[in-house]
Amino acid sequence: MATLTYVYSDSTAVLGPLAHLAEPHSYDLCSEHAERLTAPRGWEVVRLTPEFVPVGPSPDDLVALAEAVREAGRPPEPAHVPEPSATGEITRRGHLRVLRGEGT
């Protein structure tokens, strides 16, 4: 992985290690595209790293994935069904009322 940054004022494309923060005019590239990168006519390409090795997930990535899986595996909270009032009204929203039907 690599980060491509354009420096328009110098007509330069800088290709370096994967950036940790997003910057304007920066784009993350896979290793294949980083190696094949060409610049427009009149532009210079500066490669800060001669080889771009594929990077595996970081410990932070793995922790985030584990948290997402844990959250998805939790049983859903039971839905709260309000008790009807004396008129059979369950809830009201503006001028609309939800009434408990016959047999429910």
C-alpha atoms as a PDB file:
ATOM      1  CA  MET A   1       0.000   0.000   0.000  1.00  0.00           C
ATOM      2  CA  ALA A   2       1.121   3.535  -0.682  1.00  0.00           C
ATOM      3  CA  THR A   3      -0.205   7.083  -0.539  1.00  0.00           C
ATOM      4  CA  LEU A   4      -0.107   9.288  -3.615  1.00  0.00           C
ATOM      5  CA  THR A   5      -0.026  13.032  -2.980  1.00  0.00           C
ATOM      6  CA  TYR A   6      -0.227  15.661  -5.692  1.00  0.00           C
ATOM      7  CA  VAL A   7       1.757  18.889  -5.315  1.00  0.00           C
ATOM      8  CA  TYR A   8       0.107  20.981  -8.003  1.00  0.00           C
ATOM      9  CA  SER A   9       2.350  24.007  -7.534  1.00  0.00           C
ATOM     10  CA  ASP A  10       5.441  21.883  -8.389  1.00  0.00           C
ATOM     11  CA  SER A  11       3.734  19.574 -10.939  1.00  0.00           C
ATOM     12  CA  THR A  12       4.869  16.647  -8.798  1.00  0.00           C
ATOM     13  CA  ALA A  13       3.254  13.398  -7.711  1.00  0.00           C
ATOM     14  CA  VAL A  14       4.793  12.047  -4.497  1.00  0.00           C
ATOM     15  CA  LEU A  15       4.395   8.341  -3.800  1.00  0.00           C
ATOM     16  CA  GLY A  16       5.252   7.290  -0.261  1.00  0.00           C
ATOM     17  CA  PRO A  17       4.322   4.966   2.577  1.00  0.00           C
ATOM     18  CA  LEU A  18       0.673   4.657   3.536  1.00  0.00           C
ATOM     19  CA  ALA A  19      -0.406   7.814   5.378  1.00  0.00           C
ATOM     20  CA  HIS A  20      -2.097   7.589   8.775  1.00  0.00           C
ATOM     21  CA  LEU A  21      -4.214  10.722   8.243  1.00  0.00           C
ATOM     22  CA  ALA A  22      -6.313  11.835   5.299  1.00  0.00           C
ATOM     23  CA  GLU A  23      -4.949  14.873   3.495  1.00  0.00           C
ATOM     24  CA  PRO A  24      -6.367  16.909   0.617  1.00  0.00           C
ATOM     25  CA  HIS A  25      -5.096  15.749  -2.786  1.00  0.00           C
ATOM     26  CA  SER A  26      -3.938  12.394  -1.308  1.00  0.00           C
ATOM     27  CA  TYR A  27      -5.055   8.967  -2.447  1.00  0.00           C
ATOM     28  CA  ASP A  28      -4.266   5.508  -1.082  1.00  0.00           C
ATOM     29  CA  LEU A  29      -3.138   2.970  -3.673  1.00  0.00           C
ATOM     30  CA  CYS A  30      -2.643  -0.791  -3.579  1.00  0.00           C
ATOM     31  CA  SER A  31       0.864  -2.122  -4.274  1.00  0.00           C
ATOM     32  CA  GLU A  32       0.052  -3.026  -7.892  1.00  0.00           C
ATOM     33  CA  HIS A  33      -1.179   0.460  -8.776  1.00  0.00           C
ATOM     34  CA  ALA A  34       1.630   2.156  -6.829  1.00  0.00           C
ATOM     35  CA  GLU A  35       4.227   0.275  -8.893  1.00  0.00           C
ATOM     36  CA  ARG A  36       2.515   1.068 -12.217  1.00  0.00           C
ATOM     37  CA  LEU A  37       1.886   4.766 -11.482  1.00  0.00           C
ATOM     38  CA  THR A  38       2.733   7.264 -14.212  1.00  0.00           C
ATOM     39  CA  ALA A  39       2.304  11.030 -14.097  1.00  0.00           C
ATOM     40  CA  PRO A  40       0.903  13.388 -16.712  1.00  0.00           C
ATOM     41  CA  ARG A  41       3.315  14.833 -19.294  1.00  0.00           C
ATOM     42  CA  GLY A  42       5.420  17.550 -17.690  1.00  0.00           C
ATOM     43  CA  TRP A  43       4.963  16.164 -14.173  1.00  0.00           C
ATOM     44  CA  GLU A  44       7.585  14.443 -12.062  1.00  0.00           C
ATOM     45  CA  VAL A  45       6.990  11.341  -9.902  1.00  0.00           C
ATOM     46  CA  VAL A  46       8.944  11.205  -6.651  1.00  0.00           C
ATOM     47  CA  ARG A  47       9.009   7.716  -5.099  1.00  0.00           C
ATOM     48  CA  LEU A  48       9.972   7.866  -1.431  1.00  0.00           C
ATOM     49  CA  THR A  49      10.008   4.065  -1.165  1.00  0.00           C
ATOM     50  CA  PRO A  50      11.326   1.956  -4.063  1.00  0.00           C
ATOM     51  CA  GLU A  51       9.122  -1.075  -3.214  1.00  0.00           C
ATOM     52  CA  PHE A  52       5.619  -1.112  -1.811  1.00  0.00           C
ATOM     53  CA  VAL A  53       4.962  -4.229   0.220  1.00  0.00           C
ATOM     54  CA  PRO A  54       1.361  -5.237   0.954  1.00  0.00           C
ATOM     55  CA  VAL A  55       0.545  -4.422   4.569  1.00  0.00           C
ATOM     56  CA  GLY A  56      -1.621  -6.690   6.717  1.00  0.00           C
ATOM     57  CA  PRO A  57      -4.185  -5.485   9.218  1.00  0.00           C
ATOM     58  CA  SER A  58      -2.881  -3.519  12.193  1.00  0.00           C
ATOM     59  CA  PRO A  59      -3.690  -4.457  15.805  1.00  0.00           C
ATOM     60  CA  ASP A  60      -6.198  -1.558  15.833  1.00  0.00           C
ATOM     61  CA  ASP A  61      -7.916  -3.000  12.749  1.00  0.00           C
ATOM     62  CA  LEU A  62      -8.214  -6.404  14.417  1.00  0.00           C
ATOM     63  CA  VAL A  63      -9.616  -4.924  17.642  1.00  0.00           C
ATOM     64  CA  ALA A  64     -12.188  -2.899  15.675  1.00  0.00           C
ATOM     65  CA  LEU A  65     -13.223  -6.017  13.760  1.00  0.00           C
ATOM     66  CA  ALA A  66     -13.564  -8.037  16.981  1.00  0.00           C
ATOM     67  CA  GLU A  67     -15.722  -5.293  18.540  1.00  0.00           C
ATOM     68  CA  ALA A  68     -17.977  -5.195  15.457  1.00  0.00           C
ATOM     69  CA  VAL A  69     -18.421  -8.985  15.524  1.00  0.00           C
ATOM     70  CA  ARG A  70     -19.136  -8.924  19.277  1.00  0.00           C
ATOM     71  CA  GLU A  71     -21.743  -6.170  18.812  1.00  0.00           C
ATOM     72  CA  ALA A  72     -23.414  -8.020  15.916  1.00  0.00           C
ATOM     73  CA  GLY A  73     -23.595 -11.206  18.012  1.00  0.00           C
ATOM     74  CA  ARG A  74     -25.463  -9.617  20.900  1.00  0.00           C
ATOM     75  CA  PRO A  75     -29.135 -10.593  21.120  1.00  0.00           C
ATOM     76  CA  PRO A  76     -31.516  -7.749  20.304  1.00  0.00           C
ATOM     77  CA  GLU A  77     -33.157  -5.910  23.165  1.00  0.00           C
ATOM     78  CA  PRO A  78     -36.778  -6.989  23.625  1.00  0.00           C
ATOM     79  CA  ALA A  79     -39.240  -4.497  22.219  1.00  0.00           C
ATOM     80  CA  HIS A  80     -41.268  -2.668  24.833  1.00  0.00           C
ATOM     81  CA  VAL A  81     -45.011  -2.928  24.192  1.00  0.00           C
ATOM     82  CA  PRO A  82     -46.867  -0.253  26.119  1.00  0.00           C
ATOM     83  CA  GLU A  83     -49.963  -1.195  28.075  1.00  0.00           C
ATOM     84  CA  PRO A  84     -53.177   0.220  26.623  1.00  0.00           C
ATOM     85  CA  SER A  85     -55.040   2.943  28.469  1.00  0.00           C
ATOM     86  CA  ALA A  86     -58.693   2.591  29.550  1.00  0.00           C
ATOM     87  CA  THR A  87     -59.723   3.702  26.038  1.00  0.00           C
ATOM     88  CA  GLY A  88     -57.538   1.059  24.375  1.00  0.00           C
ATOM     89  CA  GLU A  89     -55.063   3.697  23.201  1.00  0.00           C
ATOM     90  CA  ILE A  90     -51.474   2.397  23.140  1.00  0.00           C
ATOM     91  CA  THR A  91     -49.658   5.498  21.946  1.00  0.00           C
ATOM     92  CA  ARG A  92     -50.325   8.847  20.369  1.00  0.00           C
ATOM     93  CA  ARG A  93     -48.335  10.880  17.851  1.00  0.00           C
ATOM     94  CA  GLY A  94     -49.782  14.246  17.019  1.00  0.00           C
ATOM     95  CA  HIS A  95     -53.395  13.739  15.937  1.00  0.00           C
ATOM     96  CA  LEU A  96     -52.890   9.985  15.283  1.00  0.00           C
ATOM     97  CA  ARG A  97     -53.626   7.290  17.861  1.00  0.00           C
ATOM     98  CA  VAL A  98     -52.612   3.629  17.917  1.00  0.00           C
ATOM     99  CA  LEU A  99     -55.438   1.507  19.335  1.00  0.00           C
ATOM    100  CA  ARG A 100     -55.249  -2.088  20.427  1.00  0.00           C
ATOM    101  CA  GLY A 101     -57.390  -4.128  18.037  1.00  0.00           C
ATOM    102  CA  GLU A 102     -59.975  -6.719  18.958  1.00  0.00           C
ATOM    103  CA  GLY A 103     -58.456 -10.051  19.999  1.00  0.00           C
ATOM    104  CA  THR A 104     -55.025  -8.570  20.771  1.00  0.00           C
END
